[in-house]
Amino acid sequence: MNIEIDTKNKTLVYELLEKEIGKSSLSRGEVITIDDKIKVVYQGELIKLAVGEPSTIQLAITFVAGIASSYVGTWLYNKINGKAEKLRINYTEVEIDEGEITRVIDINIKK
C-alpha cells in the first residue's frame, strides 16, 4: 500500500521510521517492522524548494494477513495526527481522521 504524507514537520519522517533525530540517517529502501505486524519501507521524501511548502514523505506499508485494518489505521493516525497536512493512500487523498484512514485501508485490502 502506497502512503504519501505532506508535512511541514521536519521530524515526522524520523518518528514514522522510529529513528533518533539527528543521530540516524535515512536511506531509500530502509525497512522497519512494527510489532512484527506492519512492515514500513521508506521510499524517499520529496522536498519542495518554495519556502513554506510541505515536503512529501513516501512510504510503502504491508502487513501480515489477519491484521485488522483498524490496527494499521490507528498506528498511522497516531503518528501523523497534528503533524501532517495531507495524506494519500494508494494515490487517493484521505481525511486525517482515524475512522476514515481505517475505512480507506480496508477498501484497499479488499481490492
N, C-alpha and C. Protein backbone atom coordinates (compact mmCIF):
# COMPACT_ATOMS: atom_id res chain seq x y z
N MET A 1 0.85 -1.16 0.00
CA MET A 1 0.00 0.00 0.00
C MET A 1 0.91 1.23 0.00
N ASN A 2 0.69 2.13 -0.95
CA ASN A 2 1.50 3.34 -1.04
C ASN A 2 0.91 4.44 -0.15
N ILE A 3 1.78 5.06 0.61
CA ILE A 3 1.38 6.14 1.52
C ILE A 3 2.20 7.37 1.19
N GLU A 4 1.53 8.51 1.04
CA GLU A 4 2.20 9.79 0.85
C GLU A 4 1.67 10.75 1.91
N ILE A 5 2.58 11.40 2.60
CA ILE A 5 2.22 12.31 3.68
C ILE A 5 2.86 13.66 3.39
N ASP A 6 2.02 14.68 3.23
CA ASP A 6 2.51 16.05 3.05
C ASP A 6 2.62 16.69 4.43
N THR A 7 3.81 17.21 4.74
CA THR A 7 4.03 17.78 6.06
C THR A 7 5.09 18.87 6.03
N LYS A 8 4.96 19.81 6.94
CA LYS A 8 5.99 20.82 7.15
C LYS A 8 6.84 20.44 8.36
N ASN A 9 6.46 19.37 9.03
CA ASN A 9 7.16 18.89 10.22
C ASN A 9 8.41 18.13 9.79
N LYS A 10 9.55 18.68 10.08
CA LYS A 10 10.83 18.11 9.63
C LYS A 10 11.22 16.83 10.36
N THR A 11 10.58 16.55 11.51
CA THR A 11 10.94 15.36 12.28
C THR A 11 9.98 14.19 12.08
N LEU A 12 8.87 14.42 11.38
CA LEU A 12 7.87 13.36 11.24
C LEU A 12 8.43 12.11 10.59
N VAL A 13 9.25 12.26 9.57
CA VAL A 13 9.81 11.08 8.90
C VAL A 13 10.63 10.24 9.88
N TYR A 14 11.35 10.88 10.79
CA TYR A 14 12.11 10.14 11.80
C TYR A 14 11.18 9.41 12.78
N GLU A 15 10.09 10.07 13.13
CA GLU A 15 9.11 9.46 14.04
C GLU A 15 8.43 8.26 13.38
N LEU A 16 8.07 8.40 12.12
CA LEU A 16 7.44 7.29 11.40
C LEU A 16 8.36 6.08 11.31
N LEU A 17 9.63 6.33 11.11
CA LEU A 17 10.60 5.25 10.94
C LEU A 17 11.31 4.89 12.24
N GLU A 18 10.84 5.49 13.35
CA GLU A 18 11.38 5.21 14.68
C GLU A 18 12.89 5.37 14.73
N LYS A 19 13.35 6.49 14.18
CA LYS A 19 14.78 6.82 14.17
C LYS A 19 15.05 7.97 15.13
N GLU A 20 16.25 8.00 15.67
CA GLU A 20 16.66 9.10 16.53
C GLU A 20 17.01 10.30 15.67
N ILE A 21 16.38 11.41 15.95
CA ILE A 21 16.57 12.62 15.16
C ILE A 21 18.02 13.11 15.29
N GLY A 22 18.63 13.33 14.14
CA GLY A 22 20.00 13.85 14.11
C GLY A 22 21.08 12.81 14.32
N LYS A 23 20.71 11.62 14.77
CA LYS A 23 21.71 10.59 15.04
C LYS A 23 21.62 9.44 14.05
N SER A 24 20.60 9.46 13.23
CA SER A 24 20.38 8.38 12.27
C SER A 24 20.17 8.97 10.89
N SER A 25 20.71 8.31 9.89
CA SER A 25 20.44 8.75 8.53
C SER A 25 19.31 7.89 7.97
N LEU A 26 18.65 8.43 6.97
CA LEU A 26 17.57 7.70 6.33
C LEU A 26 18.01 7.28 4.95
N SER A 27 17.72 6.05 4.58
CA SER A 27 18.10 5.54 3.27
C SER A 27 16.87 5.00 2.57
N ARG A 28 16.72 5.38 1.31
CA ARG A 28 15.62 4.86 0.50
C ARG A 28 15.71 3.34 0.50
N GLY A 29 14.56 2.70 0.69
CA GLY A 29 14.51 1.24 0.75
C GLY A 29 14.65 0.69 2.15
N GLU A 30 14.93 1.55 3.11
CA GLU A 30 15.07 1.12 4.50
C GLU A 30 13.74 0.56 5.01
N VAL A 31 13.82 -0.52 5.76
CA VAL A 31 12.62 -1.22 6.24
C VAL A 31 12.62 -1.23 7.76
N ILE A 32 11.45 -0.94 8.33
CA ILE A 32 11.26 -1.15 9.76
C ILE A 32 10.02 -2.01 9.93
N THR A 33 9.96 -2.72 11.04
CA THR A 33 8.82 -3.57 11.35
C THR A 33 8.23 -3.11 12.68
N ILE A 34 6.92 -2.96 12.70
CA ILE A 34 6.21 -2.54 13.90
C ILE A 34 5.50 -3.74 14.50
N ASP A 35 5.85 -4.09 15.72
CA ASP A 35 5.20 -5.19 16.44
C ASP A 35 5.12 -6.49 15.63
N ASP A 36 6.08 -6.74 14.77
CA ASP A 36 6.08 -7.93 13.91
C ASP A 36 4.82 -8.06 13.06
N LYS A 37 4.11 -6.93 12.86
CA LYS A 37 2.84 -6.98 12.13
C LYS A 37 2.81 -6.05 10.93
N ILE A 38 3.47 -4.91 11.04
CA ILE A 38 3.44 -3.93 9.97
C ILE A 38 4.87 -3.72 9.47
N LYS A 39 5.05 -3.79 8.15
CA LYS A 39 6.36 -3.52 7.55
C LYS A 39 6.25 -2.18 6.81
N VAL A 40 7.15 -1.26 7.15
CA VAL A 40 7.17 0.07 6.55
C VAL A 40 8.47 0.22 5.77
N VAL A 41 8.36 0.55 4.49
CA VAL A 41 9.52 0.76 3.64
C VAL A 41 9.58 2.24 3.27
N TYR A 42 10.69 2.87 3.60
CA TYR A 42 10.90 4.28 3.29
C TYR A 42 11.27 4.39 1.81
N GLN A 43 10.45 5.12 1.04
CA GLN A 43 10.70 5.26 -0.39
C GLN A 43 11.28 6.62 -0.76
N GLY A 44 11.40 7.49 0.22
CA GLY A 44 12.01 8.78 -0.05
C GLY A 44 11.15 9.93 0.43
N GLU A 45 11.68 11.12 0.21
CA GLU A 45 10.97 12.35 0.60
C GLU A 45 11.19 13.38 -0.49
N LEU A 46 10.09 13.93 -0.99
CA LEU A 46 10.15 14.99 -1.98
C LEU A 46 10.14 16.31 -1.23
N ILE A 47 11.23 17.04 -1.35
CA ILE A 47 11.35 18.31 -0.65
C ILE A 47 11.14 19.43 -1.66
N LYS A 48 10.18 20.28 -1.37
CA LYS A 48 9.86 21.39 -2.27
C LYS A 48 10.79 22.56 -1.99
N LEU A 49 11.21 23.25 -3.03
CA LEU A 49 12.15 24.36 -2.89
C LEU A 49 11.47 25.65 -2.44
N ALA A 50 10.18 25.79 -2.70
CA ALA A 50 9.48 27.00 -2.30
C ALA A 50 9.36 27.08 -0.79
N VAL A 51 9.60 28.26 -0.25
CA VAL A 51 9.54 28.48 1.20
C VAL A 51 8.11 28.23 1.70
N GLY A 52 8.00 27.48 2.77
CA GLY A 52 6.71 27.24 3.39
C GLY A 52 5.90 26.10 2.79
N GLU A 53 6.38 25.50 1.72
CA GLU A 53 5.67 24.38 1.10
C GLU A 53 6.00 23.09 1.84
N PRO A 54 5.03 22.20 2.00
CA PRO A 54 5.30 20.94 2.69
C PRO A 54 6.13 19.98 1.84
N SER A 55 6.88 19.12 2.50
CA SER A 55 7.56 18.04 1.80
C SER A 55 6.62 16.83 1.78
N THR A 56 6.92 15.86 0.95
CA THR A 56 6.07 14.67 0.84
C THR A 56 6.89 13.44 1.21
N ILE A 57 6.50 12.78 2.29
CA ILE A 57 7.13 11.54 2.73
C ILE A 57 6.45 10.40 1.98
N GLN A 58 7.25 9.52 1.39
CA GLN A 58 6.70 8.40 0.63
C GLN A 58 7.08 7.08 1.31
N LEU A 59 6.05 6.28 1.59
CA LEU A 59 6.24 5.00 2.27
C LEU A 59 5.46 3.92 1.54
N ALA A 60 5.89 2.70 1.72
CA ALA A 60 5.10 1.53 1.32
C ALA A 60 4.86 0.75 2.60
N ILE A 61 3.61 0.39 2.83
CA ILE A 61 3.26 -0.34 4.05
C ILE A 61 2.62 -1.66 3.65
N THR A 62 3.11 -2.72 4.27
CA THR A 62 2.49 -4.03 4.12
C THR A 62 2.26 -4.58 5.52
N PHE A 63 1.34 -5.49 5.63
CA PHE A 63 1.10 -6.10 6.93
C PHE A 63 0.63 -7.53 6.75
N VAL A 64 0.83 -8.31 7.80
CA VAL A 64 0.54 -9.74 7.71
C VAL A 64 -0.96 -9.99 7.59
N ALA A 65 -1.29 -11.09 6.93
CA ALA A 65 -2.70 -11.47 6.78
C ALA A 65 -3.33 -11.64 8.16
N GLY A 66 -4.55 -11.21 8.27
CA GLY A 66 -5.27 -11.36 9.53
C GLY A 66 -5.17 -10.14 10.43
N ILE A 67 -4.29 -9.19 10.10
CA ILE A 67 -4.19 -7.97 10.89
C ILE A 67 -5.34 -7.06 10.47
N ALA A 68 -6.06 -6.57 11.44
CA ALA A 68 -7.21 -5.71 11.14
C ALA A 68 -6.73 -4.38 10.57
N SER A 69 -7.49 -3.86 9.61
CA SER A 69 -7.16 -2.55 9.04
C SER A 69 -7.18 -1.48 10.12
N SER A 70 -7.96 -1.68 11.17
CA SER A 70 -8.02 -0.71 12.26
C SER A 70 -6.68 -0.62 12.99
N TYR A 71 -5.94 -1.72 13.08
CA TYR A 71 -4.62 -1.72 13.73
C TYR A 71 -3.67 -0.81 12.96
N VAL A 72 -3.66 -0.96 11.64
CA VAL A 72 -2.79 -0.16 10.78
C VAL A 72 -3.26 1.29 10.76
N GLY A 73 -4.58 1.48 10.65
CA GLY A 73 -5.14 2.83 10.64
C GLY A 73 -4.84 3.60 11.92
N THR A 74 -4.96 2.93 13.04
CA THR A 74 -4.66 3.57 14.33
C THR A 74 -3.19 3.93 14.43
N TRP A 75 -2.31 3.03 14.01
CA TRP A 75 -0.87 3.30 14.05
C TRP A 75 -0.55 4.53 13.20
N LEU A 76 -1.05 4.56 11.97
CA LEU A 76 -0.77 5.67 11.07
C LEU A 76 -1.35 6.98 11.60
N TYR A 77 -2.59 6.94 12.04
CA TYR A 77 -3.23 8.14 12.58
C TYR A 77 -2.46 8.70 13.77
N ASN A 78 -2.08 7.83 14.70
CA ASN A 78 -1.34 8.29 15.88
C ASN A 78 0.00 8.92 15.52
N LYS A 79 0.61 8.47 14.45
CA LYS A 79 1.89 9.02 14.02
C LYS A 79 1.75 10.39 13.35
N ILE A 80 0.69 10.58 12.56
CA ILE A 80 0.61 11.80 11.74
C ILE A 80 -0.37 12.86 12.24
N ASN A 81 -1.25 12.51 13.15
CA ASN A 81 -2.26 13.45 13.62
C ASN A 81 -1.61 14.72 14.19
N GLY A 82 -2.01 15.86 13.65
CA GLY A 82 -1.48 17.14 14.10
C GLY A 82 -0.13 17.49 13.50
N LYS A 83 0.44 16.59 12.70
CA LYS A 83 1.76 16.80 12.12
C LYS A 83 1.75 16.80 10.60
N ALA A 84 0.67 16.30 10.02
CA ALA A 84 0.59 16.19 8.56
C ALA A 84 -0.51 17.11 8.04
N GLU A 85 -0.29 17.60 6.83
CA GLU A 85 -1.29 18.45 6.20
C GLU A 85 -2.20 17.65 5.28
N LYS A 86 -1.64 16.66 4.61
CA LYS A 86 -2.42 15.82 3.71
C LYS A 86 -1.90 14.40 3.79
N LEU A 87 -2.80 13.46 3.50
CA LEU A 87 -2.46 12.04 3.46
C LEU A 87 -3.08 11.45 2.20
N ARG A 88 -2.30 10.66 1.50
CA ARG A 88 -2.81 9.91 0.35
C ARG A 88 -2.48 8.43 0.56
N ILE A 89 -3.48 7.61 0.36
CA ILE A 89 -3.31 6.16 0.43
C ILE A 89 -3.61 5.62 -0.96
N ASN A 90 -2.63 4.96 -1.55
CA ASN A 90 -2.74 4.49 -2.94
C ASN A 90 -3.24 5.61 -3.86
N TYR A 91 -2.66 6.78 -3.68
CA TYR A 91 -2.87 7.96 -4.53
C TYR A 91 -4.24 8.62 -4.36
N THR A 92 -5.01 8.21 -3.35
CA THR A 92 -6.29 8.83 -3.06
C THR A 92 -6.14 9.66 -1.79
N GLU A 93 -6.51 10.95 -1.85
CA GLU A 93 -6.41 11.80 -0.67
C GLU A 93 -7.43 11.35 0.37
N VAL A 94 -6.96 11.27 1.61
CA VAL A 94 -7.77 10.77 2.71
C VAL A 94 -7.76 11.80 3.84
N GLU A 95 -8.92 12.05 4.40
CA GLU A 95 -9.01 12.95 5.55
C GLU A 95 -8.20 12.35 6.70
N ILE A 96 -7.50 13.21 7.44
CA ILE A 96 -6.71 12.72 8.57
C ILE A 96 -7.63 12.55 9.77
N ASP A 97 -8.30 11.41 9.75
CA ASP A 97 -9.27 11.01 10.76
C ASP A 97 -9.10 9.50 10.91
N GLU A 98 -9.01 9.03 12.13
CA GLU A 98 -8.72 7.61 12.36
C GLU A 98 -9.71 6.69 11.66
N GLY A 99 -10.99 6.99 11.76
CA GLY A 99 -12.01 6.15 11.13
C GLY A 99 -11.91 6.17 9.61
N GLU A 100 -11.65 7.33 9.04
CA GLU A 100 -11.55 7.45 7.58
C GLU A 100 -10.30 6.74 7.06
N ILE A 101 -9.19 6.88 7.77
CA ILE A 101 -7.96 6.18 7.37
C ILE A 101 -8.20 4.67 7.39
N THR A 102 -8.81 4.18 8.44
CA THR A 102 -9.10 2.76 8.57
C THR A 102 -10.03 2.29 7.45
N ARG A 103 -11.06 3.08 7.14
CA ARG A 103 -12.00 2.74 6.09
C ARG A 103 -11.31 2.60 4.73
N VAL A 104 -10.43 3.55 4.40
CA VAL A 104 -9.75 3.52 3.12
C VAL A 104 -8.76 2.35 3.07
N ILE A 105 -8.07 2.09 4.16
CA ILE A 105 -7.17 0.93 4.20
C ILE A 105 -7.98 -0.35 3.96
N ASP A 106 -9.11 -0.46 4.60
CA ASP A 106 -9.97 -1.64 4.46
C ASP A 106 -10.42 -1.82 3.01
N ILE A 107 -10.80 -0.74 2.37
CA ILE A 107 -11.21 -0.79 0.96
C ILE A 107 -10.06 -1.28 0.09
N ASN A 108 -8.86 -0.77 0.36
CA ASN A 108 -7.69 -1.16 -0.45
C ASN A 108 -7.27 -2.60 -0.21
N ILE A 109 -7.51 -3.12 0.97
CA ILE A 109 -7.19 -4.52 1.25
C ILE A 109 -8.08 -5.43 0.42
N LYS A 110 -9.33 -5.04 0.26
CA LYS A 110 -10.31 -5.88 -0.42
C LYS A 110 -10.23 -5.81 -1.93
N LYS A 111 -9.40 -4.92 -2.47
CA LYS A 111 -9.27 -4.81 -3.94
C LYS A 111 -8.52 -6.00 -4.51
